[in-house]
Each structure stands twice: as structure tokens, then as C-alpha cells.
Amino acid sequence: MQFTELDAYPLRPGELRNWIPTTGPAARWRDDPRATSHVHEAHLRGAQSVLQRRHIDGGRESWLGLGIEFDEPLSIPGMRTALRAWIDRHEVLRTHVFLEDDRPRRRSAQTATVDLRVKAIGTYRSTGPLAEQLLGEFDRSTAPLTWPAYMFSTVAREDSFTLFFAADHSLLDGYSLILSPYELREFYREAVHGEQPRLLPTGSYVNYSDTDRQSADRAGATHPAALMWDEYLSETGFKPDPFPMPLLPLSAKVLADETRAALSRDPDGVPRLPQGALNFHLLDDDRSNNFTRVCSESGASLVTGVLACMAKINTDLGFGPVFRCAVTRHTRDAEQWIAALGWFVGIAPFRLDTTGTRTFGELAQRAQSAWKHSKAGSTLPYLRIGEVLADEPGRSQAPPPRFVVSFMDTRSAPGSDVNDAGGAGALRSRDYSIDDVYLWMLRTPSGLHVAARFPGFDTARRSITLYLGALRSLLTEIGDATVTRG
């Protein structure tokens, strides 16, 4: 299952319809006292800032989405029934958080009251115009300040169709994308073929947000996460950790040339510099298993083995013995949250010192210890950490992370083999940051993959390509060594 931007998805032409959630009087939208999470509030405030600065009401280049392939003709009534059932399953799709008097406020609708307004757009015979149409629709229809902040589209052909889903990041995370294709297929099979869906029980992200907010608001500067981030950020004078390799050209002329070459117009017609993207296949399934076996012999895991390799590359390329980045950690710490749609992600600091390590096994052991230690850093939302640290004398504002590494293992998700064989793909919006680097490591049934986004300069692309190429070579070398040993 790849994680790409829409223009890298294997689109097939067909008849495009948009499916827009809507409610009538029966929804009985009500004031909902449940609090929103810190991460959602920060996201809303960022959207409000963009609205005030750019005077547009569209998305904020912050949506996530899906493409799901169906090998049968599209049933309009069946799809409507399936989507309504899925919206009823996940309360986060029936609630809306907005800012009023500079404070978050929530309103929620009843179950079985959201319908879909279907709009026929037209038949596309080539993928280019279809991709641009979908991208524009998703960018404009996923604004976090309005409801719905999500939409569906179908592209139908004579004997098959593709279902697309796009939603603002405040409604879902990467694990939501992994789990959702199976759920949507199950609801469609029930609606069209009468097959009983086999689904995990699920809780509500709205309830999670409420308890998470209350817990975070009680935390102070002595919370373990705040102490960990304080120590980590103090090492750099509260400056963000950049990706170690060059992202911008040193020459002003080259910078100007690369900027002009990369500029494009966003869906609102504004010239902007979109981030670049790369998808690397790092290891096939057998080699992934070999590498994991080597890591296990040292008491490490695939995740910490990869981080150990990244630290070694950092040192080998001359960027010093200490590797630093932010890592995402999911917060689905109870059974009721496992299958819930929502933003269950914390962020933790990761620091690995390679000094004195002589073998990969030693470095992997050290990475495992660092990973275990870093867990505490994700137990408080980063916005709240910034708030409590800012209240401390002599402390600067906590900077947003600039180099982030994320790991997801899709193999345990229902239907993962179908998705990995091309049955579904995870999508993300364009981004326009000039200093962020994100690496998403995905372990799927077919192996280990990495999706990267980075500033849209040729210099950055060369650096990321070199870095990921070195990572692939090192992972392969370590994994193959154990095969040679027998």
C-alpha cells in the first residue's frame, strides 16, 4: 500500500461523481460539551491564520485520503448506503469543531441523519484532467473550519470503479488510512450483495479527544514529556532539528533558478512552490525479514534497526555522531481506539549517539534503548508542551519539528494483502513548506517502503535521493550478511 500524492496514484479514466455529506433538520445539530484535543485546536488556529492571510475558505493542504479499487460495476444506491453506514460508524465524521470568541466549540449530529448529495461531474477519457479535477475538489472541500471537512468521489467504468475519500487531517491519521479500505469494502458488500460485515468494535475519537484534553490540561512543566522535550530542545537552544543534508542551494542565483523552475499554481491560482515527493522501495519481503532477524538478535526491532542505520549514515556522511529527529508515536493505547477513525498521534524526540559503537548490533541495541526512552515524549500533545515550557523562566517558544520520521506496519490490518497488491492506496495533499522533511516508513506484505516529502528544490531532491539510496544499500548489506552467514 503506497502513500503518495494524487498525481502518483495509478488513476484510470471514467465517469466522475462527487459525493458530498449533507444533513437536514433531522440531524438536530446540538452543542456538544466534549472538549477538542490540543492537536485539533492547533490545527484549527493554523487554518484560521491561513484564512485571514490568504482570504480563502478552501483546504489548507492538510488532507489525507484513499483510493480504493472495486472490480465490479458501481451501484449508486449501494454506495450511498455504504457511505452512510460508515459515517454512522465513526462519530468524528458527524461532529464539527470551530472557533468562537477565540475558543474551540463543538457541535454534533445524530446517527442516521447524514446523507450524500451526488453530483455528476462528467466522463474523463484521460488521467491528466481527471487528476487536476480531483485535486482541486479535495483541496477546496477539506477545510477544517467548516463541515463537512471531507468528501468522496467515484470514478466509474463499465466493469469497475474507484472510490476516493479525502478528509482534513484533524479527522484521521495514517492508521485510519490503513484500516478504512477494508471497512468501506465490507459496507459496500453488505449494501450490494447482502454479506454481513465483519468489523472490529470501535470507540469514538470525540470521546478520546475529551479525555485527552482534560489530561493534558492538568499537566505542567514537571510532566515527563515536558521534561524530555525541554532537555532535547535545550541542546540546540530551542532551534528545530533540520534534515542533515542540504535542502537549499548555497548560490542565490541557483536558488532563484530552482525556485522559478519549481513554481506552480495552486487550485486557487496562486503561484507557489510545492514540496517534492519520492517513493522508494527499500527492501522486498524476504530481505525485510532478514534485516528484522538481524535486529532481533541484538534485542532491537525493524523500527529501531532502521533508525540505527539512519544514525550511521548521518555519521558516515560527516554530520556528526549524534542523530536527531522527531518521531511519531500512535496513542491508540486502549482496545476501543484501535479501529477508530481519528488523529491518534503524538510526537516524540529521538536522539541517538553513535559514539563508541563498533558493530551494527551495538548500535541497534542503543537505538532500541533510545526508542523506548523516547516514548514518554509523545504522552503529551506538542502544543501543550510548548505552552508549559513557555511559562518557564528563560525558555523560548518550542519550534515546530522540521525533520520527522514515521513508521507504520500495515500487515496486521484486514485486507492488507489486497491493498498492497494495488487494491488501495493512501493519499496525501500537496504541501508548500520550504524546510520540512517527512519520511514515512511503511512495512507492508511486499516489503519495506519509504515515502518522502521535502522542499521543492532540485538541491533537496538530490540530497533526499542520495540519503535514501544510502539507506537502502545499508539495509540490504546488513540483511544479506545474515543470509551469507547461514
Protein backbone atom coordinates (compact mmCIF):
# COMPACT_ATOMS: atom_id res chain seq x y z
CA MET A 1 0.00 0.00 0.00
CA GLN A 2 1.72 3.14 -1.23
CA PHE A 3 1.44 6.58 0.40
CA THR A 4 1.58 9.14 -2.39
CA GLU A 5 0.23 12.39 -3.69
CA LEU A 6 -2.69 12.11 -6.07
CA ASP A 7 -0.62 12.64 -9.22
CA ALA A 8 1.35 9.47 -8.39
CA TYR A 9 -1.77 7.33 -7.92
CA PRO A 10 -2.46 4.95 -10.86
CA LEU A 11 -5.62 6.72 -11.99
CA ARG A 12 -7.87 5.21 -14.62
CA PRO A 13 -10.31 7.38 -16.59
CA GLY A 14 -14.04 7.09 -16.19
CA GLU A 15 -17.21 8.86 -15.11
CA LEU A 16 -16.59 11.15 -12.13
CA ARG A 17 -19.17 11.75 -9.41
CA ASN A 18 -18.71 13.66 -6.19
CA TRP A 19 -20.47 12.54 -3.02
CA ILE A 20 -20.89 15.40 -0.55
CA PRO A 21 -22.17 14.69 3.00
CA THR A 22 -25.19 16.78 3.93
CA THR A 23 -27.75 16.98 6.73
CA GLY A 24 -31.31 18.21 7.11
CA PRO A 25 -33.40 19.24 10.13
CA ALA A 26 -33.46 15.65 11.41
CA ALA A 27 -29.74 15.86 12.22
CA ARG A 28 -30.57 18.04 15.23
CA TRP A 29 -27.08 19.50 15.43
CA ARG A 30 -26.52 20.11 19.12
CA ASP A 31 -23.94 21.89 21.25
CA ASP A 32 -21.54 19.22 22.43
CA PRO A 33 -19.62 19.87 25.67
CA ARG A 34 -16.86 17.37 24.89
CA ALA A 35 -13.54 19.15 24.51
CA THR A 36 -11.33 19.05 21.45
CA SER A 37 -7.77 17.80 21.58
CA HIS A 38 -4.78 20.14 21.66
CA VAL A 39 -3.61 18.90 18.27
CA HIS A 40 -7.04 19.65 16.75
CA GLU A 41 -7.12 23.11 18.30
CA ALA A 42 -3.64 23.92 16.97
CA HIS A 43 -4.76 22.74 13.54
CA LEU A 44 -7.85 24.98 13.66
CA ARG A 45 -5.81 28.01 14.69
CA GLY A 46 -3.43 27.38 11.84
CA ALA A 47 -6.37 27.20 9.42
CA GLN A 48 -7.80 30.43 10.84
CA SER A 49 -4.45 32.13 10.29
CA VAL A 50 -4.36 30.97 6.67
CA LEU A 51 -7.91 32.20 6.12
CA GLN A 52 -7.05 35.65 7.49
CA ARG A 53 -3.82 35.84 5.50
CA ARG A 54 -4.98 34.41 2.15
CA HIS A 55 -8.72 35.22 2.32
CA ILE A 56 -9.73 31.80 1.04
CA ASP A 57 -12.03 29.23 2.60
CA GLY A 58 -10.56 26.14 0.98
CA GLY A 59 -8.38 23.39 2.38
CA ARG A 60 -5.03 24.01 3.96
CA GLU A 61 -3.04 21.39 2.07
CA SER A 62 -3.58 19.19 5.10
CA TRP A 63 -5.86 16.44 3.87
CA LEU A 64 -5.31 12.70 3.84
CA GLY A 65 -7.17 10.32 1.60
CA LEU A 66 -7.69 6.97 -0.06
CA GLY A 67 -8.15 5.41 -3.44
CA ILE A 68 -9.93 2.03 -3.29
CA GLU A 69 -10.36 -0.21 -6.34
CA PHE A 70 -13.54 -2.27 -6.90
CA ASP A 71 -13.69 -4.93 -9.63
CA GLU A 72 -17.42 -4.66 -10.28
CA PRO A 73 -19.82 -2.06 -11.70
CA LEU A 74 -20.73 0.86 -9.44
CA SER A 75 -24.11 0.69 -7.72
CA ILE A 76 -25.25 4.22 -6.89
CA PRO A 77 -27.80 3.09 -4.25
CA GLY A 78 -25.31 0.61 -2.82
CA MET A 79 -22.58 3.21 -2.50
CA ARG A 80 -24.95 5.66 -0.82
CA THR A 81 -25.95 3.01 1.73
CA ALA A 82 -22.33 2.00 2.35
CA LEU A 83 -21.10 5.56 2.90
CA ARG A 84 -23.98 6.36 5.25
CA ALA A 85 -23.19 3.26 7.31
CA TRP A 86 -19.51 4.21 7.52
CA ILE A 87 -20.34 7.78 8.59
CA ASP A 88 -22.61 6.36 11.30
CA ARG A 89 -19.81 4.07 12.48
CA HIS A 90 -17.33 6.94 13.04
CA GLU A 91 -18.66 9.82 15.13
CA VAL A 92 -15.77 12.06 14.10
CA LEU A 93 -17.48 12.38 10.68
CA ARG A 94 -20.64 13.75 12.34
CA THR A 95 -19.06 16.40 14.56
CA HIS A 96 -17.71 19.87 13.87
CA VAL A 97 -15.26 21.94 15.90
CA PHE A 98 -14.90 25.65 15.21
CA LEU A 99 -13.53 28.75 16.92
CA GLU A 100 -15.96 31.12 18.62
CA ASP A 101 -14.73 34.01 20.76
CA ASP A 102 -11.25 32.54 20.24
CA ARG A 103 -12.24 29.26 21.93
CA PRO A 104 -12.94 25.84 20.37
CA ARG A 105 -16.59 24.88 20.31
CA ARG A 106 -18.14 21.59 19.17
CA ARG A 107 -21.48 20.70 17.60
CA SER A 108 -22.52 17.15 16.73
CA ALA A 109 -25.23 15.47 14.65
CA GLN A 110 -27.29 12.36 15.42
CA THR A 111 -26.61 8.97 13.84
CA ALA A 112 -28.53 8.01 10.69
CA THR A 113 -29.02 11.67 9.72
CA VAL A 114 -26.14 12.27 7.28
CA ASP A 115 -26.99 11.72 3.63
CA LEU A 116 -24.93 12.13 0.46
CA ARG A 117 -25.57 14.66 -2.28
CA VAL A 118 -24.37 13.09 -5.53
CA LYS A 119 -23.12 15.38 -8.28
CA ALA A 120 -22.21 14.05 -11.73
CA ILE A 121 -19.12 15.91 -12.96
CA GLY A 122 -18.51 14.24 -16.31
CA THR A 123 -16.67 11.48 -18.13
CA TYR A 124 -12.90 11.75 -18.44
CA ARG A 125 -11.01 9.94 -21.17
CA SER A 126 -7.51 10.81 -19.93
CA THR A 127 -5.97 10.91 -16.48
CA GLY A 128 -4.37 14.37 -16.51
CA PRO A 129 -7.57 16.46 -16.42
CA LEU A 130 -9.17 13.93 -14.05
CA ALA A 131 -6.29 14.25 -11.57
CA GLU A 132 -6.45 18.05 -11.66
CA GLN A 133 -10.22 17.99 -11.11
CA LEU A 134 -9.94 15.64 -8.14
CA LEU A 135 -7.06 17.58 -6.61
CA GLY A 136 -8.95 20.85 -6.83
CA GLU A 137 -12.09 19.30 -5.33
CA PHE A 138 -10.18 17.74 -2.44
CA ASP A 139 -8.24 20.92 -1.67
CA ARG A 140 -11.41 23.00 -1.61
CA SER A 141 -13.67 20.53 0.23
CA THR A 142 -11.50 19.60 3.21
CA ALA A 143 -11.33 22.94 5.02
CA PRO A 144 -11.16 22.23 8.79
CA LEU A 145 -13.17 25.35 9.66
CA THR A 146 -16.35 24.04 8.00
CA TRP A 147 -18.48 20.88 7.98
CA PRO A 148 -18.12 18.59 6.17
CA ALA A 149 -14.32 18.70 6.06
CA TYR A 150 -14.37 15.58 3.90
CA MET A 151 -15.84 14.23 0.68
CA PHE A 152 -15.98 11.14 -1.52
CA SER A 153 -15.65 10.70 -5.27
CA THR A 154 -16.19 7.75 -7.57
CA VAL A 155 -14.68 7.16 -10.99
CA ALA A 156 -16.82 4.53 -12.68
CA ARG A 157 -16.06 2.34 -15.67
CA GLU A 158 -18.13 -0.38 -17.32
CA ASP A 159 -16.98 -3.22 -15.07
CA SER A 160 -15.03 -1.49 -12.28
CA PHE A 161 -14.77 1.72 -10.30
CA THR A 162 -12.51 3.61 -7.90
CA LEU A 163 -13.75 5.13 -4.66
CA PHE A 164 -11.82 8.17 -3.42
CA PHE A 165 -12.04 9.68 0.04
CA ALA A 166 -10.34 12.87 1.23
CA ALA A 167 -10.58 14.42 4.70
CA ASP A 168 -8.84 17.07 6.71
CA HIS A 169 -6.05 15.68 8.89
CA SER A 170 -8.00 16.64 12.04
CA LEU A 171 -10.39 13.74 11.30
CA LEU A 172 -7.93 10.91 10.73
CA ASP A 173 -4.33 9.72 10.77
CA GLY A 174 -2.15 7.20 8.95
CA TYR A 175 -3.54 4.18 10.78
CA SER A 176 -7.05 5.33 9.85
CA LEU A 177 -5.99 5.12 6.21
CA ILE A 178 -4.70 1.58 6.71
CA LEU A 179 -7.94 0.35 8.30
CA SER A 180 -10.55 2.19 6.21
CA PRO A 181 -10.35 0.38 2.83
CA TYR A 182 -11.47 -2.88 4.42
CA GLU A 183 -14.34 -1.22 6.29
CA LEU A 184 -15.62 0.55 3.17
CA ARG A 185 -15.43 -2.65 1.13
CA GLU A 186 -17.34 -4.53 3.84
CA PHE A 187 -20.13 -1.94 3.96
CA TYR A 188 -20.37 -1.92 0.16
CA ARG A 189 -20.59 -5.72 0.02
CA GLU A 190 -23.36 -5.62 2.62
CA ALA A 191 -25.29 -2.97 0.68
CA VAL A 192 -24.95 -4.63 -2.74
CA HIS A 193 -24.53 -8.34 -2.01
CA GLY A 194 -26.12 -8.74 1.42
CA GLU A 195 -22.92 -10.01 3.05
CA GLN A 196 -22.71 -9.33 6.78
CA PRO A 197 -19.75 -7.02 7.52
CA ARG A 198 -17.05 -8.38 9.82
CA LEU A 199 -15.73 -5.36 11.68
CA LEU A 200 -13.86 -4.70 14.88
CA PRO A 201 -15.82 -2.82 17.56
CA THR A 202 -14.79 0.81 17.74
CA GLY A 203 -14.96 3.75 20.11
CA SER A 204 -15.34 7.43 19.29
CA TYR A 205 -12.42 9.77 18.68
CA VAL A 206 -14.63 12.54 20.08
CA ASN A 207 -14.60 10.78 23.46
CA TYR A 208 -10.86 10.24 23.19
CA SER A 209 -10.31 13.94 22.44
CA ASP A 210 -12.28 14.93 25.51
CA THR A 211 -10.31 12.75 27.93
CA ASP A 212 -7.00 13.56 26.22
CA ARG A 213 -7.66 17.29 26.55
CA GLN A 214 -8.58 17.06 30.21
CA SER A 215 -5.48 15.01 30.98
CA ALA A 216 -3.19 17.35 29.03
CA ASP A 217 -4.62 20.46 30.66
CA ARG A 218 -3.70 19.08 34.08
CA ALA A 219 -0.06 18.60 33.05
CA GLY A 220 2.69 21.05 33.91
CA ALA A 221 6.39 21.56 33.36
CA THR A 222 7.23 18.51 35.51
CA HIS A 223 5.32 16.13 33.22
CA PRO A 224 7.76 13.50 31.83
CA ALA A 225 7.05 14.57 28.23
CA ALA A 226 7.71 18.24 29.02
CA LEU A 227 10.95 17.36 30.82
CA MET A 228 12.11 15.22 27.90
CA TRP A 229 11.37 17.86 25.28
CA ASP A 230 12.94 20.57 27.44
CA GLU A 231 16.17 18.60 27.66
CA TYR A 232 16.11 17.78 23.95
CA LEU A 233 15.41 21.32 22.75
CA SER A 234 17.87 22.88 25.19
CA GLU A 235 20.72 21.10 23.37
CA THR A 236 20.06 23.27 20.30
CA GLY A 237 18.95 26.45 22.03
CA PHE A 238 15.32 25.65 21.15
CA LYS A 239 16.08 25.63 17.42
CA PRO A 240 14.41 22.97 15.25
CA ASP A 241 16.43 20.00 14.01
CA PRO A 242 16.74 20.22 10.22
CA PHE A 243 17.32 17.33 7.85
CA PRO A 244 21.10 16.91 7.94
CA MET A 245 21.80 17.25 4.20
CA PRO A 246 21.48 20.46 2.15
CA LEU A 247 17.94 21.39 1.10
CA LEU A 248 18.59 24.83 -0.40
CA PRO A 249 21.31 25.76 -2.90
CA LEU A 250 24.06 27.97 -1.50
CA SER A 251 24.14 30.28 -4.51
CA ALA A 252 21.48 32.99 -4.64
CA LYS A 253 21.33 32.66 -8.44
CA VAL A 254 20.87 28.89 -8.29
CA LEU A 255 18.22 29.37 -5.60
CA ALA A 256 16.35 31.80 -7.85
CA ASP A 257 16.65 29.45 -10.84
CA GLU A 258 15.42 26.41 -8.87
CA THR A 259 12.55 28.42 -7.40
CA ARG A 260 11.37 29.57 -10.83
CA ALA A 261 11.63 26.03 -12.18
CA ALA A 262 9.53 24.58 -9.35
CA LEU A 263 6.81 27.24 -9.08
CA SER A 264 3.29 26.15 -9.98
CA ARG A 265 -0.19 27.49 -9.39
CA ASP A 266 -2.29 26.04 -6.59
CA PRO A 267 -6.03 25.35 -7.09
CA ASP A 268 -6.73 29.00 -6.21
CA GLY A 269 -4.42 30.21 -8.99
CA VAL A 270 -1.68 31.42 -6.64
CA PRO A 271 1.93 30.74 -7.76
CA ARG A 272 3.55 28.63 -5.03
CA LEU A 273 6.43 26.21 -4.54
CA PRO A 274 5.05 22.71 -3.87
CA GLN A 275 7.14 20.21 -1.98
CA GLY A 276 8.83 17.40 -3.84
CA ALA A 277 7.95 13.76 -3.28
CA LEU A 278 9.72 10.43 -3.67
CA ASN A 279 8.65 6.85 -3.08
CA PHE A 280 11.46 4.34 -2.53
CA HIS A 281 11.18 0.58 -2.36
CA LEU A 282 13.82 -0.20 0.26
CA LEU A 283 13.56 -3.98 0.77
CA ASP A 284 11.37 -6.79 -0.52
CA ASP A 285 9.58 -9.05 1.95
CA ASP A 286 12.37 -11.64 2.23
CA ARG A 287 15.07 -9.04 2.75
CA SER A 288 12.86 -7.17 5.23
CA ASN A 289 12.54 -10.40 7.21
CA ASN A 290 16.31 -10.95 7.03
CA PHE A 291 17.01 -7.45 8.30
CA THR A 292 14.44 -7.82 11.08
CA ARG A 293 16.07 -11.09 12.12
CA VAL A 294 19.44 -9.35 12.48
CA CYS A 295 17.81 -6.64 14.58
CA SER A 296 16.07 -9.21 16.78
CA GLU A 297 19.37 -10.94 17.51
CA SER A 298 20.51 -7.66 19.06
CA GLY A 299 17.29 -7.11 21.01
CA ALA A 300 16.12 -4.48 18.54
CA SER A 301 13.19 -4.22 16.11
CA LEU A 302 12.76 -3.31 12.47
CA VAL A 303 11.92 0.27 13.50
CA THR A 304 14.95 0.76 15.71
CA GLY A 305 17.18 -1.03 13.22
CA VAL A 306 16.18 1.46 10.53
CA LEU A 307 16.84 4.36 12.92
CA ALA A 308 20.24 2.87 13.72
CA CYS A 309 21.04 2.79 10.00
CA MET A 310 19.94 6.40 9.62
CA ALA A 311 22.22 7.38 12.50
CA LYS A 312 25.16 5.54 10.90
CA ILE A 313 24.56 7.30 7.59
CA ASN A 314 24.40 10.61 9.44
CA THR A 315 27.84 9.88 10.91
CA ASP A 316 29.35 8.42 7.72
CA LEU A 317 28.34 11.49 5.70
CA GLY A 318 30.14 13.76 8.15
CA PHE A 319 27.20 15.25 10.04
CA GLY A 320 28.47 14.22 13.46
CA PRO A 321 27.97 11.28 15.82
CA VAL A 322 24.57 12.38 17.16
CA PHE A 323 21.46 11.72 15.06
CA ARG A 324 18.36 13.73 15.99
CA CYS A 325 14.84 13.79 14.60
CA ALA A 326 11.22 13.81 15.72
CA VAL A 327 9.33 10.52 15.55
CA THR A 328 5.59 9.93 15.54
CA ARG A 329 4.08 7.51 18.07
CA HIS A 330 0.47 6.39 17.88
CA THR A 331 -1.64 6.90 21.01
CA ARG A 332 -4.16 4.08 20.42
CA ASP A 333 -3.43 2.73 23.88
CA ALA A 334 -6.82 1.10 24.52
CA GLU A 335 -8.74 -1.55 22.56
CA GLN A 336 -11.64 0.81 21.85
CA TRP A 337 -9.34 3.14 19.87
CA ILE A 338 -7.71 0.52 17.64
CA ALA A 339 -10.30 0.72 14.83
CA ALA A 340 -11.48 4.28 15.45
CA LEU A 341 -11.18 6.96 12.80
CA GLY A 342 -9.26 9.90 14.28
CA TRP A 343 -5.95 11.66 14.87
CA PHE A 344 -4.28 9.38 17.44
CA VAL A 345 -0.71 10.59 17.04
CA GLY A 346 1.85 12.01 19.43
CA ILE A 347 5.32 13.21 18.58
CA ALA A 348 8.49 12.41 20.48
CA PRO A 349 12.13 13.50 20.30
CA PHE A 350 14.63 10.87 19.19
CA ARG A 351 18.35 11.19 19.86
CA LEU A 352 20.93 8.52 19.06
CA ASP A 353 24.66 8.93 19.77
CA THR A 354 26.80 6.56 17.70
CA THR A 355 30.00 7.30 19.63
CA GLY A 356 31.87 4.14 20.63
CA THR A 357 29.66 1.65 18.79
CA ARG A 358 31.75 -0.87 16.83
CA THR A 359 29.08 -3.08 15.25
CA PHE A 360 25.58 -2.71 13.91
CA GLY A 361 24.34 -4.90 16.75
CA GLU A 362 25.70 -2.48 19.34
CA LEU A 363 24.18 0.49 17.54
CA ALA A 364 20.83 -1.28 17.15
CA GLN A 365 20.78 -2.06 20.88
CA ARG A 366 21.44 1.60 21.63
CA ALA A 367 18.69 2.63 19.18
CA GLN A 368 16.25 0.29 20.92
CA SER A 369 17.02 1.89 24.28
CA ALA A 370 16.65 5.38 22.79
CA TRP A 371 13.30 4.41 21.23
CA LYS A 372 11.99 3.04 24.50
CA HIS A 373 13.16 6.17 26.31
CA SER A 374 11.55 8.49 23.74
CA LYS A 375 8.07 7.02 24.28
CA ALA A 376 7.42 9.37 27.21
CA GLY A 377 7.89 12.38 24.92
CA SER A 378 4.72 11.52 22.99
CA THR A 379 2.45 11.28 26.04
CA LEU A 380 1.61 14.98 25.98
CA PRO A 381 0.48 16.89 22.86
CA TYR A 382 3.26 19.02 21.41
CA LEU A 383 1.11 22.16 21.58
CA ARG A 384 0.65 21.61 25.31
CA ILE A 385 4.38 21.01 25.74
CA GLY A 386 5.03 24.34 24.06
CA GLU A 387 2.57 26.04 26.41
CA VAL A 388 4.02 24.66 29.63
CA LEU A 389 7.62 25.28 28.58
CA ALA A 390 6.82 28.85 27.51
CA ASP A 391 5.63 29.51 31.06
CA GLU A 392 9.04 28.59 32.46
CA PRO A 393 11.52 31.46 33.06
CA GLY A 394 14.16 31.83 30.35
CA ARG A 395 12.51 29.38 27.94
CA SER A 396 11.98 30.12 24.25
CA GLN A 397 8.99 29.10 22.17
CA ALA A 398 9.15 25.40 21.24
CA PRO A 399 9.77 25.28 17.46
CA PRO A 400 7.73 23.07 15.13
CA PRO A 401 9.60 19.86 14.22
CA ARG A 402 11.25 20.08 10.81
CA PHE A 403 12.63 16.55 10.33
CA VAL A 404 10.04 13.89 11.17
CA VAL A 405 10.24 10.11 10.73
CA SER A 406 7.11 7.96 10.95
CA PHE A 407 6.71 4.17 10.95
CA MET A 408 3.60 2.17 10.07
CA ASP A 409 3.17 -1.59 9.74
CA THR A 410 0.15 -2.45 7.60
CA ARG A 411 0.42 -6.24 7.74
CA SER A 412 -1.99 -6.80 10.62
CA ALA A 413 -4.75 -4.68 9.06
CA PRO A 414 -7.64 -6.64 7.50
CA GLY A 415 -7.28 -6.70 3.72
CA SER A 416 -3.65 -5.55 3.76
CA ASP A 417 -2.63 -8.10 1.12
CA VAL A 418 -5.36 -6.83 -1.22
CA ASN A 419 -4.34 -3.23 -0.64
CA ASP A 420 -0.66 -3.98 -1.17
CA ALA A 421 -1.41 -5.71 -4.47
CA GLY A 422 -2.91 -2.47 -5.82
CA GLY A 423 -6.36 -2.69 -4.29
CA ALA A 424 -5.97 0.56 -2.38
CA GLY A 425 -3.57 3.43 -1.93
CA ALA A 426 -3.16 6.08 0.75
CA LEU A 427 -3.10 9.67 -0.44
CA ARG A 428 -1.84 12.96 0.95
CA SER A 429 -2.28 16.55 -0.16
CA ARG A 430 0.41 18.76 -1.59
CA ASP A 431 2.49 20.72 0.89
CA TYR A 432 4.32 24.00 0.38
CA SER A 433 6.84 24.09 3.23
CA ILE A 434 10.38 25.16 2.29
CA ASP A 435 12.11 23.47 5.23
CA ASP A 436 10.11 20.39 6.32
CA VAL A 437 11.29 16.86 5.56
CA TYR A 438 8.96 13.95 6.37
CA LEU A 439 9.88 10.29 5.91
CA TRP A 440 7.09 7.69 6.23
CA MET A 441 8.44 4.14 6.58
CA LEU A 442 5.84 1.52 5.66
CA ARG A 443 6.23 -2.20 6.29
CA THR A 444 3.70 -3.90 4.03
CA PRO A 445 3.22 -7.52 2.91
CA SER A 446 5.55 -6.82 -0.03
CA GLY A 447 8.40 -5.31 1.97
CA LEU A 448 9.71 -2.04 3.38
CA HIS A 449 8.95 1.22 1.60
CA VAL A 450 9.57 4.89 2.31
CA ALA A 451 7.53 7.87 1.17
CA ALA A 452 9.30 11.22 1.42
CA ARG A 453 8.29 14.83 1.07
CA PHE A 454 10.77 17.68 1.08
CA PRO A 455 11.27 21.26 -0.20
CA GLY A 456 10.67 21.52 -3.91
CA PHE A 457 14.22 22.44 -4.92
CA ASP A 458 16.47 20.28 -7.10
CA THR A 459 19.11 20.51 -4.36
CA ALA A 460 16.71 18.95 -1.86
CA ARG A 461 15.71 16.20 -4.30
CA ARG A 462 19.35 15.27 -4.88
CA SER A 463 20.02 15.18 -1.14
CA ILE A 464 16.97 13.04 -0.36
CA THR A 465 17.73 10.68 -3.25
CA LEU A 466 21.32 10.24 -2.06
CA TYR A 467 20.22 9.72 1.53
CA LEU A 468 17.53 7.15 0.75
CA GLY A 469 19.84 5.36 -1.68
CA ALA A 470 22.45 5.07 1.06
CA LEU A 471 19.78 3.80 3.45
CA ARG A 472 18.63 1.14 1.00
CA SER A 473 22.20 -0.03 0.43
CA LEU A 474 22.95 -0.27 4.15
CA LEU A 475 19.71 -2.11 4.96
CA THR A 476 20.40 -4.57 2.13
CA GLU A 477 24.01 -5.10 3.20
CA ILE A 478 23.05 -5.85 6.81
CA GLY A 479 20.18 -8.15 5.86
CA ASP A 480 22.17 -10.04 3.23
CA ALA A 481 25.06 -10.60 5.66
CA THR A 482 22.92 -12.88 7.80
CA VAL A 483 21.96 -14.93 4.72
CA THR A 484 25.65 -15.33 3.87
CA ARG A 485 26.36 -16.50 7.44
CA GLY A 486 23.58 -19.06 7.04
